[in-house]
Amino acid sequence: RPSNRTQFKFHGCGGRHNNPKDCRHTQAVCNRCKKRGHLGNVCRSAPAFETNAAVTNQVTRSEIPEYVVHAAAATKRVQLPYQVELQVNNASVVFELDTGSAVTICSEKSWQDNLEATVKGKLQQAPVRLRTYTGEEVKLLGKKNVNVSYKGVTVNETIYIAEGSGRNLLGRDWLHQLPILMLIQVSTLLEVQYLIRNYEEVFSEPKTGKFSGG
């Protein structure tokens, strides 16, 4: 027989229960703040964009497109990231190449230092949501269309401004329009050819890849 007891909304899962103990998520670990006792979709934590990030598409659960931002912890890098300097509205801006990023992101600090004075009007509302791979929402200040130039090619593209002082990320939306990846591929090919030419004994048959000690 249905219970007549009043049910209350439990902050741990967002559902309604007669008693919080009835919720099976009381011991769940949040994938956003890593604290125990609630789920990520009801977490009240939403840190700002302060870390390195890469953006990939995710299936959205609403009409607003949602992207996952893979925020990386501050760790020592074995190899420096690929960076490129672009002319954005005739201002020089350095971006980190990220082919995993669906959109191009500019940090709030970089926007204020380099681009804010080059545009007219306020930022437009960004009709997308960004989340880190652990579920934290990245706060967007808005978006703006800008003119981007590289190696004689100029296109008009959208840039998203994220709160904080993280790195500027050059995403696939801009990479598809600019001749950047082609130059990197050529550069990489030249490096490979250099290695083969200077270490022929390592790559030649039948000793390919064989380590003879040392």
Protein backbone atom coordinates (compact mmCIF):
# COMPACT_ATOMS: atom_id res chain seq x y z
CA ARG A 1 0.00 0.00 0.00
CA PRO A 2 1.43 3.45 -0.94
CA SER A 3 2.86 5.38 1.98
CA ASN A 4 1.19 8.66 3.05
CA ARG A 5 4.42 9.93 4.59
CA THR A 6 5.82 13.15 3.18
CA GLN A 7 8.79 12.65 0.92
CA PHE A 8 11.66 15.12 0.86
CA LYS A 9 14.12 15.87 -1.89
CA PHE A 10 17.52 14.46 -0.91
CA HIS A 11 20.50 16.56 -1.97
CA GLY A 12 22.67 13.47 -2.32
CA CYS A 13 20.98 12.20 -5.47
CA GLY A 14 18.27 14.73 -6.32
CA GLY A 15 15.52 12.16 -5.73
CA ARG A 16 12.73 12.09 -3.14
CA HIS A 17 12.82 9.81 -0.11
CA ASN A 18 10.98 9.46 3.18
CA ASN A 19 14.34 9.28 4.87
CA PRO A 20 17.84 10.13 3.56
CA LYS A 21 18.93 6.65 4.66
CA ASP A 22 16.61 5.21 2.01
CA CYS A 23 18.85 6.60 -0.74
CA ARG A 24 21.28 4.03 -2.13
CA HIS A 25 23.75 6.76 -3.04
CA THR A 26 24.64 7.81 0.52
CA GLN A 27 28.10 6.25 0.16
CA ALA A 28 28.64 7.25 -3.47
CA VAL A 29 31.76 9.23 -4.35
CA CYS A 30 31.11 12.36 -6.42
CA ASN A 31 32.99 12.37 -9.74
CA ARG A 32 33.26 16.16 -9.57
CA CYS A 33 34.57 17.04 -6.11
CA LYS A 34 35.55 13.46 -5.08
CA LYS A 35 33.65 13.77 -1.81
CA ARG A 36 31.43 11.00 -0.47
CA GLY A 37 27.68 11.27 -0.03
CA HIS A 38 26.32 12.67 -3.28
CA LEU A 39 26.35 12.27 -7.06
CA GLY A 40 28.09 14.50 -9.57
CA ASN A 41 24.85 15.75 -11.17
CA VAL A 42 23.80 17.41 -7.89
CA CYS A 43 27.27 18.54 -6.80
CA ARG A 44 27.42 22.20 -5.85
CA SER A 45 31.12 22.52 -6.67
CA ALA A 46 32.05 24.21 -9.97
CA PRO A 47 35.70 25.29 -10.07
CA ALA A 48 36.86 27.87 -12.58
CA PHE A 49 38.93 27.18 -15.66
CA GLU A 50 42.40 27.20 -14.11
CA THR A 51 44.01 24.08 -15.55
CA ASN A 52 45.19 22.77 -18.87
CA ALA A 53 42.29 21.43 -20.83
CA ALA A 54 41.35 19.47 -23.90
CA VAL A 55 37.83 19.37 -25.25
CA THR A 56 35.99 16.48 -26.88
CA ASN A 57 32.39 15.94 -27.91
CA GLN A 58 29.95 14.24 -25.56
CA VAL A 59 26.37 13.14 -26.18
CA THR A 60 24.18 15.85 -24.70
CA ARG A 61 21.15 15.24 -22.52
CA SER A 62 19.49 18.54 -23.40
CA GLU A 63 19.12 20.92 -26.32
CA ILE A 64 22.32 22.72 -25.26
CA PRO A 65 25.46 21.12 -26.72
CA GLU A 66 27.81 19.85 -24.04
CA TYR A 67 31.54 19.22 -24.31
CA VAL A 68 33.84 17.40 -21.92
CA VAL A 69 36.96 19.27 -20.86
CA HIS A 70 39.81 16.96 -19.87
CA ALA A 71 41.43 19.11 -17.18
CA ALA A 72 44.95 17.87 -16.46
CA ALA A 73 46.63 18.20 -13.10
CA ALA A 74 49.79 20.24 -12.87
CA THR A 75 52.42 17.68 -13.77
CA LYS A 76 55.87 17.82 -15.33
CA ARG A 77 55.71 17.34 -19.07
CA VAL A 78 58.24 15.15 -20.87
CA GLN A 79 57.70 17.14 -24.05
CA LEU A 80 56.56 20.71 -24.41
CA PRO A 81 53.15 21.15 -26.07
CA TYR A 82 52.89 22.37 -29.65
CA GLN A 83 52.20 26.08 -29.64
CA VAL A 84 51.40 28.47 -32.45
CA GLU A 85 51.13 32.24 -32.61
CA LEU A 86 48.09 33.51 -34.48
CA GLN A 87 46.94 36.97 -35.46
CA VAL A 88 43.51 37.39 -33.90
CA ASN A 89 41.92 40.71 -34.85
CA ASN A 90 45.49 41.81 -35.68
CA ALA A 91 46.67 40.98 -32.14
CA SER A 92 49.29 38.28 -31.55
CA VAL A 93 47.95 35.45 -29.39
CA VAL A 94 49.69 32.17 -28.54
CA PHE A 95 47.58 28.99 -28.53
CA GLU A 96 48.36 25.43 -27.52
CA LEU A 97 47.35 22.98 -30.24
CA ASP A 98 44.85 20.40 -29.06
CA THR A 99 43.30 18.13 -31.67
CA GLY A 100 41.12 16.63 -28.96
CA SER A 101 39.46 19.98 -28.43
CA ALA A 102 36.14 20.50 -30.20
CA VAL A 103 36.17 24.27 -29.75
CA THR A 104 38.80 26.99 -29.40
CA ILE A 105 39.09 28.47 -25.92
CA CYS A 106 40.66 31.70 -24.75
CA SER A 107 41.21 32.31 -21.06
CA GLU A 108 39.66 35.32 -19.41
CA LYS A 109 43.10 36.78 -18.68
CA SER A 110 44.31 36.40 -22.25
CA TRP A 111 41.09 37.91 -23.54
CA GLN A 112 41.45 40.95 -21.33
CA ASP A 113 45.16 41.37 -22.09
CA ASN A 114 45.03 40.86 -25.85
CA LEU A 115 41.60 40.85 -27.46
CA GLU A 116 38.96 42.70 -25.49
CA ALA A 117 40.02 46.06 -26.92
CA THR A 118 39.82 44.74 -30.49
CA VAL A 119 36.11 43.91 -30.49
CA LYS A 120 32.94 45.96 -30.33
CA GLY A 121 30.09 45.22 -27.98
CA LYS A 122 29.72 42.72 -25.20
CA LEU A 123 30.36 39.01 -25.35
CA GLN A 124 27.55 36.90 -26.72
CA GLN A 125 26.02 34.14 -24.67
CA ALA A 126 27.72 30.82 -25.35
CA PRO A 127 25.11 28.15 -26.23
CA VAL A 128 27.35 25.31 -25.06
CA ARG A 129 28.39 23.77 -21.77
CA LEU A 130 31.89 22.67 -20.85
CA ARG A 131 32.67 20.05 -18.23
CA THR A 132 35.91 18.47 -17.08
CA TYR A 133 36.32 14.72 -17.42
CA THR A 134 35.56 14.43 -13.70
CA GLY A 135 32.29 16.34 -14.09
CA GLU A 136 33.16 19.87 -12.96
CA GLU A 137 31.47 22.58 -14.97
CA VAL A 138 33.73 25.14 -16.62
CA LYS A 139 32.28 28.62 -16.45
CA LEU A 140 32.11 30.36 -19.81
CA LEU A 141 31.96 34.13 -19.92
CA GLY A 142 30.67 34.10 -23.48
CA LYS A 143 31.78 33.90 -27.09
CA LYS A 144 32.77 36.24 -29.89
CA ASN A 145 33.49 36.04 -33.59
CA VAL A 146 37.01 37.12 -34.52
CA ASN A 147 39.22 37.28 -37.60
CA VAL A 148 42.07 34.78 -37.42
CA SER A 149 45.13 34.88 -39.70
CA TYR A 150 47.95 32.39 -40.22
CA LYS A 151 50.39 32.01 -43.11
CA GLY A 152 48.32 34.20 -45.44
CA VAL A 153 45.00 32.50 -44.62
CA THR A 154 42.33 34.58 -42.84
CA VAL A 155 39.05 33.16 -41.54
CA ASN A 156 36.26 34.40 -39.31
CA GLU A 157 35.71 31.99 -36.42
CA THR A 158 34.10 31.77 -32.99
CA ILE A 159 36.22 31.91 -29.85
CA TYR A 160 34.93 30.88 -26.41
CA ILE A 161 36.13 32.76 -23.34
CA ALA A 162 36.54 30.68 -20.18
CA GLU A 163 36.82 32.12 -16.69
CA GLY A 164 40.30 32.13 -15.22
CA SER A 165 43.86 32.11 -16.50
CA GLY A 166 44.26 28.72 -18.16
CA ARG A 167 46.04 28.19 -21.46
CA ASN A 168 44.48 29.22 -24.74
CA LEU A 169 43.46 26.07 -26.62
CA LEU A 170 43.36 25.86 -30.40
CA GLY A 171 40.56 23.39 -31.12
CA ARG A 172 39.46 21.43 -34.16
CA ASP A 173 37.03 24.16 -35.24
CA TRP A 174 39.94 26.49 -36.08
CA LEU A 175 42.42 23.78 -37.05
CA HIS A 176 40.19 22.63 -39.90
CA GLN A 177 40.27 26.14 -41.37
CA LEU A 178 43.97 26.99 -40.99
CA PRO A 179 47.06 25.35 -42.60
CA ILE A 180 48.61 24.41 -39.27
CA LEU A 181 48.43 20.62 -39.05
CA MET A 182 49.88 20.31 -42.55
CA LEU A 183 53.00 22.22 -41.48
CA ILE A 184 53.38 20.07 -38.36
CA GLN A 185 53.09 16.90 -40.44
CA VAL A 186 55.80 18.15 -42.82
CA SER A 187 58.02 19.08 -39.87
CA THR A 188 57.52 15.66 -38.29
CA LEU A 189 58.29 13.92 -41.59
CA LEU A 190 61.56 15.84 -41.90
CA GLU A 191 62.50 14.81 -38.36
CA VAL A 192 61.82 11.15 -39.17
CA GLN A 193 63.87 11.36 -42.35
CA TYR A 194 66.71 12.93 -40.40
CA LEU A 195 66.70 10.06 -37.88
CA ILE A 196 66.67 7.42 -40.60
CA ARG A 197 69.49 9.11 -42.48
CA ASN A 198 71.73 9.56 -39.43
CA TYR A 199 70.99 6.21 -37.76
CA GLU A 200 70.80 4.00 -40.82
CA GLU A 201 72.29 1.00 -39.02
CA VAL A 202 69.37 0.97 -36.57
CA PHE A 203 66.62 1.10 -39.18
CA SER A 204 68.18 -1.07 -41.89
CA GLU A 205 67.18 -4.70 -42.48
CA PRO A 206 67.62 -7.26 -40.99
CA LYS A 207 68.57 -5.51 -37.77
CA THR A 208 65.66 -3.12 -37.64
CA GLY A 209 64.99 -2.05 -34.08
CA LYS A 210 67.67 -4.33 -32.62
CA PHE A 211 69.52 -3.04 -29.57
CA SER A 212 73.09 -4.32 -29.45
CA GLY A 213 73.88 -3.10 -25.96
CA GLY A 214 75.78 -0.14 -24.65
